[in-house]
Amino acid sequence: FAYPTVLTEDWEITLLSSLITLTPGTVVVHVSDDAKTLYVHAIDISDVEEAVASIRDSFEKAILEVSKS
């Protein structure tokens, strides 16, 4: 599935990609040229919107909080 991100810094996108890949059954297979979309391969996912919301509300939210400090 495609995961749209609001992150802009290379380190933020790298960290998000790493955290997604560390989640069992998921791997980031590509980052778009403009770095606004991560393409994620996930095994046995029933609801893409739920997966996107889970990443946004956990990993991405935490990275945004750290980057604001």
PDB file of N, CA and C in Angstrom:
ATOM      1  N   PHE A   1       0.832  -1.172   0.000  1.00  0.00           N
ATOM      2  CA  PHE A   1       0.000   0.000   0.000  1.00  0.00           C
ATOM      3  C   PHE A   1       0.880   1.240   0.000  1.00  0.00           C
ATOM      4  N   ALA A   2       0.313   2.357  -0.386  1.00  0.00           N
ATOM      5  CA  ALA A   2       1.043   3.629  -0.408  1.00  0.00           C
ATOM      6  C   ALA A   2       0.752   4.375   0.884  1.00  0.00           C
ATOM      7  N   TYR A   3       1.815   4.823   1.538  1.00  0.00           N
ATOM      8  CA  TYR A   3       1.665   5.573   2.774  1.00  0.00           C
ATOM      9  C   TYR A   3       2.122   7.015   2.531  1.00  0.00           C
ATOM     10  N   PRO A   4       1.189   7.976   2.524  1.00  0.00           N
ATOM     11  CA  PRO A   4       1.581   9.380   2.354  1.00  0.00           C
ATOM     12  C   PRO A   4       2.109   9.933   3.675  1.00  0.00           C
ATOM     13  N   THR A   5       3.266  10.583   3.632  1.00  0.00           N
ATOM     14  CA  THR A   5       3.854  11.108   4.856  1.00  0.00           C
ATOM     15  C   THR A   5       3.969  12.625   4.811  1.00  0.00           C
ATOM     16  N   VAL A   6       3.879  13.235   5.972  1.00  0.00           N
ATOM     17  CA  VAL A   6       4.075  14.680   6.087  1.00  0.00           C
ATOM     18  C   VAL A   6       5.502  15.007   6.490  1.00  0.00           C
ATOM     19  N   LEU A   7       6.294  13.969   6.767  1.00  0.00           N
ATOM     20  CA  LEU A   7       7.680  14.193   7.153  1.00  0.00           C
ATOM     21  C   LEU A   7       8.469  14.736   5.972  1.00  0.00           C
ATOM     22  N   THR A   8       9.464  15.585   6.266  1.00  0.00           N
ATOM     23  CA  THR A   8      10.212  16.226   5.186  1.00  0.00           C
ATOM     24  C   THR A   8      11.716  15.994   5.255  1.00  0.00           C
ATOM     25  N   GLU A   9      12.240  15.781   6.443  1.00  0.00           N
ATOM     26  CA  GLU A   9      13.685  15.615   6.596  1.00  0.00           C
ATOM     27  C   GLU A   9      14.082  14.172   6.254  1.00  0.00           C
ATOM     28  N   ASP A  10      15.253  14.026   5.661  1.00  0.00           N
ATOM     29  CA  ASP A  10      15.721  12.689   5.289  1.00  0.00           C
ATOM     30  C   ASP A  10      15.794  11.755   6.496  1.00  0.00           C
ATOM     31  N   TRP A  11      16.291  12.273   7.631  1.00  0.00           N
ATOM     32  CA  TRP A  11      16.422  11.419   8.813  1.00  0.00           C
ATOM     33  C   TRP A  11      15.057  10.963   9.321  1.00  0.00           C
ATOM     34  N   GLU A  12      14.045  11.825   9.191  1.00  0.00           N
ATOM     35  CA  GLU A  12      12.702  11.466   9.640  1.00  0.00           C
ATOM     36  C   GLU A  12      12.127  10.335   8.774  1.00  0.00           C
ATOM     37  N   ILE A  13      12.303  10.467   7.477  1.00  0.00           N
ATOM     38  CA  ILE A  13      11.781   9.465   6.545  1.00  0.00           C
ATOM     39  C   ILE A  13      12.535   8.147   6.708  1.00  0.00           C
ATOM     40  N   THR A  14      13.838   8.229   6.922  1.00  0.00           N
ATOM     41  CA  THR A  14      14.639   7.023   7.152  1.00  0.00           C
ATOM     42  C   THR A  14      14.195   6.322   8.431  1.00  0.00           C
ATOM     43  N   LEU A  15      13.985   7.084   9.485  1.00  0.00           N
ATOM     44  CA  LEU A  15      13.538   6.506  10.755  1.00  0.00           C
ATOM     45  C   LEU A  15      12.161   5.870  10.601  1.00  0.00           C
ATOM     46  N   LEU A  16      11.237   6.555   9.949  1.00  0.00           N
ATOM     47  CA  LEU A  16       9.898   6.003   9.745  1.00  0.00           C
ATOM     48  C   LEU A  16       9.977   4.713   8.938  1.00  0.00           C
ATOM     49  N   SER A  17      10.764   4.715   7.882  1.00  0.00           N
ATOM     50  CA  SER A  17      10.923   3.507   7.057  1.00  0.00           C
ATOM     51  C   SER A  17      11.482   2.358   7.885  1.00  0.00           C
ATOM     52  N   SER A  18      12.448   2.653   8.723  1.00  0.00           N
ATOM     53  CA  SER A  18      13.043   1.621   9.574  1.00  0.00           C
ATOM     54  C   SER A  18      12.032   1.067  10.572  1.00  0.00           C
ATOM     55  N   LEU A  19      11.260   1.950  11.191  1.00  0.00           N
ATOM     56  CA  LEU A  19      10.265   1.497  12.168  1.00  0.00           C
ATOM     57  C   LEU A  19       9.190   0.637  11.510  1.00  0.00           C
ATOM     58  N   ILE A  20       8.758   1.023  10.318  1.00  0.00           N
ATOM     59  CA  ILE A  20       7.760   0.217   9.599  1.00  0.00           C
ATOM     60  C   ILE A  20       8.344  -1.151   9.273  1.00  0.00           C
ATOM     61  N   THR A  21       9.580  -1.169   8.793  1.00  0.00           N
ATOM     62  CA  THR A  21      10.225  -2.421   8.405  1.00  0.00           C
ATOM     63  C   THR A  21      10.474  -3.324   9.611  1.00  0.00           C
ATOM     64  N   LEU A  22      10.701  -2.744  10.777  1.00  0.00           N
ATOM     65  CA  LEU A  22      10.895  -3.550  11.988  1.00  0.00           C
ATOM     66  C   LEU A  22       9.597  -4.183  12.485  1.00  0.00           C
ATOM     67  N   THR A  23       8.466  -3.697  12.007  1.00  0.00           N
ATOM     68  CA  THR A  23       7.176  -4.273  12.366  1.00  0.00           C
ATOM     69  C   THR A  23       7.025  -5.608  11.638  1.00  0.00           C
ATOM     70  N   PRO A  24       6.785  -6.690  12.356  1.00  0.00           N
ATOM     71  CA  PRO A  24       6.684  -8.001  11.698  1.00  0.00           C
ATOM     72  C   PRO A  24       5.649  -8.007  10.575  1.00  0.00           C
ATOM     73  N   GLY A  25       6.064  -8.549   9.432  1.00  0.00           N
ATOM     74  CA  GLY A  25       5.158  -8.680   8.292  1.00  0.00           C
ATOM     75  C   GLY A  25       5.099  -7.472   7.388  1.00  0.00           C
ATOM     76  N   THR A  26       5.910  -6.447   7.640  1.00  0.00           N
ATOM     77  CA  THR A  26       5.890  -5.263   6.796  1.00  0.00           C
ATOM     78  C   THR A  26       7.300  -4.875   6.384  1.00  0.00           C
ATOM     79  N   VAL A  27       7.406  -4.280   5.210  1.00  0.00           N
ATOM     80  CA  VAL A  27       8.689  -3.767   4.740  1.00  0.00           C
ATOM     81  C   VAL A  27       8.416  -2.599   3.787  1.00  0.00           C
ATOM     82  N   VAL A  28       9.195  -1.538   3.933  1.00  0.00           N
ATOM     83  CA  VAL A  28       9.109  -0.422   2.992  1.00  0.00           C
ATOM     84  C   VAL A  28       9.942  -0.822   1.784  1.00  0.00           C
ATOM     85  N   VAL A  29       9.305  -0.885   0.620  1.00  0.00           N
ATOM     86  CA  VAL A  29       9.992  -1.345  -0.584  1.00  0.00           C
ATOM     87  C   VAL A  29      10.448  -0.202  -1.483  1.00  0.00           C
ATOM     88  N   HIS A  30       9.892   1.002  -1.280  1.00  0.00           N
ATOM     89  CA  HIS A  30      10.272   2.136  -2.121  1.00  0.00           C
ATOM     90  C   HIS A  30       9.814   3.433  -1.462  1.00  0.00           C
ATOM     91  N   VAL A  31      10.589   4.474  -1.694  1.00  0.00           N
ATOM     92  CA  VAL A  31      10.202   5.833  -1.306  1.00  0.00           C
ATOM     93  C   VAL A  31      10.117   6.628  -2.594  1.00  0.00           C
ATOM     94  N   SER A  32       9.039   7.360  -2.774  1.00  0.00           N
ATOM     95  CA  SER A  32       8.855   8.119  -4.014  1.00  0.00           C
ATOM     96  C   SER A  32       9.977   9.138  -4.192  1.00  0.00           C
ATOM     97  N   ASP A  33      10.193   9.559  -5.426  1.00  0.00           N
ATOM     98  CA  ASP A  33      11.261  10.516  -5.735  1.00  0.00           C
ATOM     99  C   ASP A  33      11.119  11.822  -4.969  1.00  0.00           C
ATOM    100  N   ASP A  34       9.874  12.241  -4.704  1.00  0.00           N
ATOM    101  CA  ASP A  34       9.659  13.475  -3.955  1.00  0.00           C
ATOM    102  C   ASP A  34       9.621  13.233  -2.442  1.00  0.00           C
ATOM    103  N   ALA A  35       9.821  11.990  -2.013  1.00  0.00           N
ATOM    104  CA  ALA A  35       9.868  11.582  -0.602  1.00  0.00           C
ATOM    105  C   ALA A  35       8.576  11.868   0.151  1.00  0.00           C
ATOM    106  N   LYS A  36       7.465  11.883  -0.552  1.00  0.00           N
ATOM    107  CA  LYS A  36       6.180  12.132   0.102  1.00  0.00           C
ATOM    108  C   LYS A  36       5.338  10.872   0.260  1.00  0.00           C
ATOM    109  N   THR A  37       5.785   9.770  -0.348  1.00  0.00           N
ATOM    110  CA  THR A  37       5.034   8.524  -0.280  1.00  0.00           C
ATOM    111  C   THR A  37       5.982   7.356  -0.049  1.00  0.00           C
ATOM    112  N   LEU A  38       5.640   6.531   0.928  1.00  0.00           N
ATOM    113  CA  LEU A  38       6.380   5.297   1.181  1.00  0.00           C
ATOM    114  C   LEU A  38       5.506   4.161   0.692  1.00  0.00           C
ATOM    115  N   TYR A  39       6.102   3.240  -0.035  1.00  0.00           N
ATOM    116  CA  TYR A  39       5.370   2.081  -0.527  1.00  0.00           C
ATOM    117  C   TYR A  39       5.709   0.898   0.367  1.00  0.00           C
ATOM    118  N   VAL A  40       4.675   0.346   0.978  1.00  0.00           N
ATOM    119  CA  VAL A  40       4.836  -0.677   2.009  1.00  0.00           C
ATOM    120  C   VAL A  40       4.236  -1.991   1.523  1.00  0.00           C
ATOM    121  N   HIS A  41       5.013  -3.056   1.668  1.00  0.00           N
ATOM    122  CA  HIS A  41       4.505  -4.405   1.425  1.00  0.00           C
ATOM    123  C   HIS A  41       4.138  -4.980   2.788  1.00  0.00           C
ATOM    124  N   ALA A  42       2.915  -5.444   2.907  1.00  0.00           N
ATOM    125  CA  ALA A  42       2.456  -5.992   4.188  1.00  0.00           C
ATOM    126  C   ALA A  42       1.777  -7.334   3.963  1.00  0.00           C
ATOM    127  N   ILE A  43       2.079  -8.272   4.839  1.00  0.00           N
ATOM    128  CA  ILE A  43       1.476  -9.597   4.771  1.00  0.00           C
ATOM    129  C   ILE A  43       0.200  -9.605   5.609  1.00  0.00           C
ATOM    130  N   ASP A  44      -0.855 -10.165   5.040  1.00  0.00           N
ATOM    131  CA  ASP A  44      -2.112 -10.393   5.758  1.00  0.00           C
ATOM    132  C   ASP A  44      -2.684  -9.112   6.377  1.00  0.00           C
ATOM    133  N   ILE A  45      -2.911  -8.114   5.530  1.00  0.00           N
ATOM    134  CA  ILE A  45      -3.516  -6.868   5.999  1.00  0.00           C
ATOM    135  C   ILE A  45      -4.950  -6.812   5.471  1.00  0.00           C
ATOM    136  N   SER A  46      -5.886  -6.599   6.347  1.00  0.00           N
ATOM    137  CA  SER A  46      -7.289  -6.622   5.935  1.00  0.00           C
ATOM    138  C   SER A  46      -7.849  -5.226   5.662  1.00  0.00           C
ATOM    139  N   ASP A  47      -7.257  -4.195   6.261  1.00  0.00           N
ATOM    140  CA  ASP A  47      -7.790  -2.840   6.110  1.00  0.00           C
ATOM    141  C   ASP A  47      -6.635  -1.849   5.943  1.00  0.00           C
ATOM    142  N   VAL A  48      -6.446  -1.373   4.717  1.00  0.00           N
ATOM    143  CA  VAL A  48      -5.334  -0.461   4.424  1.00  0.00           C
ATOM    144  C   VAL A  48      -5.481   0.843   5.201  1.00  0.00           C
ATOM    145  N   GLU A  49      -6.690   1.372   5.269  1.00  0.00           N
ATOM    146  CA  GLU A  49      -6.900   2.634   5.987  1.00  0.00           C
ATOM    147  C   GLU A  49      -6.523   2.505   7.460  1.00  0.00           C
ATOM    148  N   GLU A  50      -6.820   1.369   8.027  1.00  0.00           N
ATOM    149  CA  GLU A  50      -6.463   1.124   9.425  1.00  0.00           C
ATOM    150  C   GLU A  50      -4.938   1.055   9.594  1.00  0.00           C
ATOM    151  N   ALA A  51      -4.266   0.427   8.652  1.00  0.00           N
ATOM    152  CA  ALA A  51      -2.804   0.339   8.703  1.00  0.00           C
ATOM    153  C   ALA A  51      -2.173   1.719   8.572  1.00  0.00           C
ATOM    154  N   VAL A  52      -2.686   2.523   7.658  1.00  0.00           N
ATOM    155  CA  VAL A  52      -2.182   3.892   7.472  1.00  0.00           C
ATOM    156  C   VAL A  52      -2.399   4.701   8.745  1.00  0.00           C
ATOM    157  N   ALA A  53      -3.586   4.617   9.319  1.00  0.00           N
ATOM    158  CA  ALA A  53      -3.888   5.356  10.549  1.00  0.00           C
ATOM    159  C   ALA A  53      -2.997   4.901  11.697  1.00  0.00           C
ATOM    160  N   SER A  54      -2.728   3.612  11.772  1.00  0.00           N
ATOM    161  CA  SER A  54      -1.874   3.087  12.836  1.00  0.00           C
ATOM    162  C   SER A  54      -0.456   3.651  12.737  1.00  0.00           C
ATOM    163  N   ILE A  55       0.100   3.691  11.530  1.00  0.00           N
ATOM    164  CA  ILE A  55       1.441   4.242  11.330  1.00  0.00           C
ATOM    165  C   ILE A  55       1.446   5.738  11.639  1.00  0.00           C
ATOM    166  N   ARG A  56       0.454   6.445  11.150  1.00  0.00           N
ATOM    167  CA  ARG A  56       0.365   7.896  11.353  1.00  0.00           C
ATOM    168  C   ARG A  56       0.231   8.245  12.837  1.00  0.00           C
ATOM    169  N   ASP A  57      -0.596   7.480  13.541  1.00  0.00           N
ATOM    170  CA  ASP A  57      -0.890   7.807  14.939  1.00  0.00           C
ATOM    171  C   ASP A  57       0.153   7.294  15.929  1.00  0.00           C
ATOM    172  N   SER A  58       1.067   6.481  15.459  1.00  0.00           N
ATOM    173  CA  SER A  58       2.111   5.984  16.359  1.00  0.00           C
ATOM    174  C   SER A  58       3.480   6.469  15.905  1.00  0.00           C
ATOM    175  N   PHE A  59       4.053   5.836  14.901  1.00  0.00           N
ATOM    176  CA  PHE A  59       5.415   6.148  14.475  1.00  0.00           C
ATOM    177  C   PHE A  59       5.582   7.585  13.996  1.00  0.00           C
ATOM    178  N   GLU A  60       4.735   7.997  13.061  1.00  0.00           N
ATOM    179  CA  GLU A  60       4.892   9.337  12.489  1.00  0.00           C
ATOM    180  C   GLU A  60       4.644  10.421  13.540  1.00  0.00           C
ATOM    181  N   LYS A  61       3.667  10.214  14.376  1.00  0.00           N
ATOM    182  CA  LYS A  61       3.366  11.174  15.443  1.00  0.00           C
ATOM    183  C   LYS A  61       4.559  11.329  16.391  1.00  0.00           C
ATOM    184  N   ALA A  62       5.173  10.215  16.769  1.00  0.00           N
ATOM    185  CA  ALA A  62       6.328  10.267  17.671  1.00  0.00           C
ATOM    186  C   ALA A  62       7.510  10.984  17.015  1.00  0.00           C
ATOM    187  N   ILE A  63       7.744  10.723  15.734  1.00  0.00           N
ATOM    188  CA  ILE A  63       8.844  11.388  15.028  1.00  0.00           C
ATOM    189  C   ILE A  63       8.591  12.895  14.947  1.00  0.00           C
ATOM    190  N   LEU A  64       7.367  13.287  14.676  1.00  0.00           N
ATOM    191  CA  LEU A  64       7.033  14.713  14.627  1.00  0.00           C
ATOM    192  C   LEU A  64       7.244  15.384  15.980  1.00  0.00           C
ATOM    193  N   GLU A  65       6.913  14.704  17.055  1.00  0.00           N
ATOM    194  CA  GLU A  65       7.107  15.272  18.391  1.00  0.00           C
ATOM    195  C   GLU A  65       8.595  15.474  18.685  1.00  0.00           C
ATOM    196  N   VAL A  66       9.404  14.516  18.293  1.00  0.00           N
ATOM    197  CA  VAL A  66      10.862  14.615  18.514  1.00  0.00           C
ATOM    198  C   VAL A  66      11.455  15.725  17.663  1.00  0.00           C
ATOM    199  N   SER A  67      11.019  15.841  16.433  1.00  0.00           N
ATOM    200  CA  SER A  67      11.609  16.837  15.532  1.00  0.00           C
ATOM    201  C   SER A  67      11.251  18.263  15.918  1.00  0.00           C
ATOM    202  N   LYS A  68      10.156  18.442  16.667  1.00  0.00           N
ATOM    203  CA  LYS A  68       9.752  19.774  17.123  1.00  0.00           C
ATOM    204  C   LYS A  68      10.577  20.241  18.313  1.00  0.00           C
ATOM    205  N   SER A  69      11.223  19.303  19.022  1.00  0.00           N
ATOM    206  CA  SER A  69      11.967  19.659  20.221  1.00  0.00           C
ATOM    207  C   SER A  69      13.289  20.306  19.880  1.00  0.00           C
TER     208      SER A  69
END
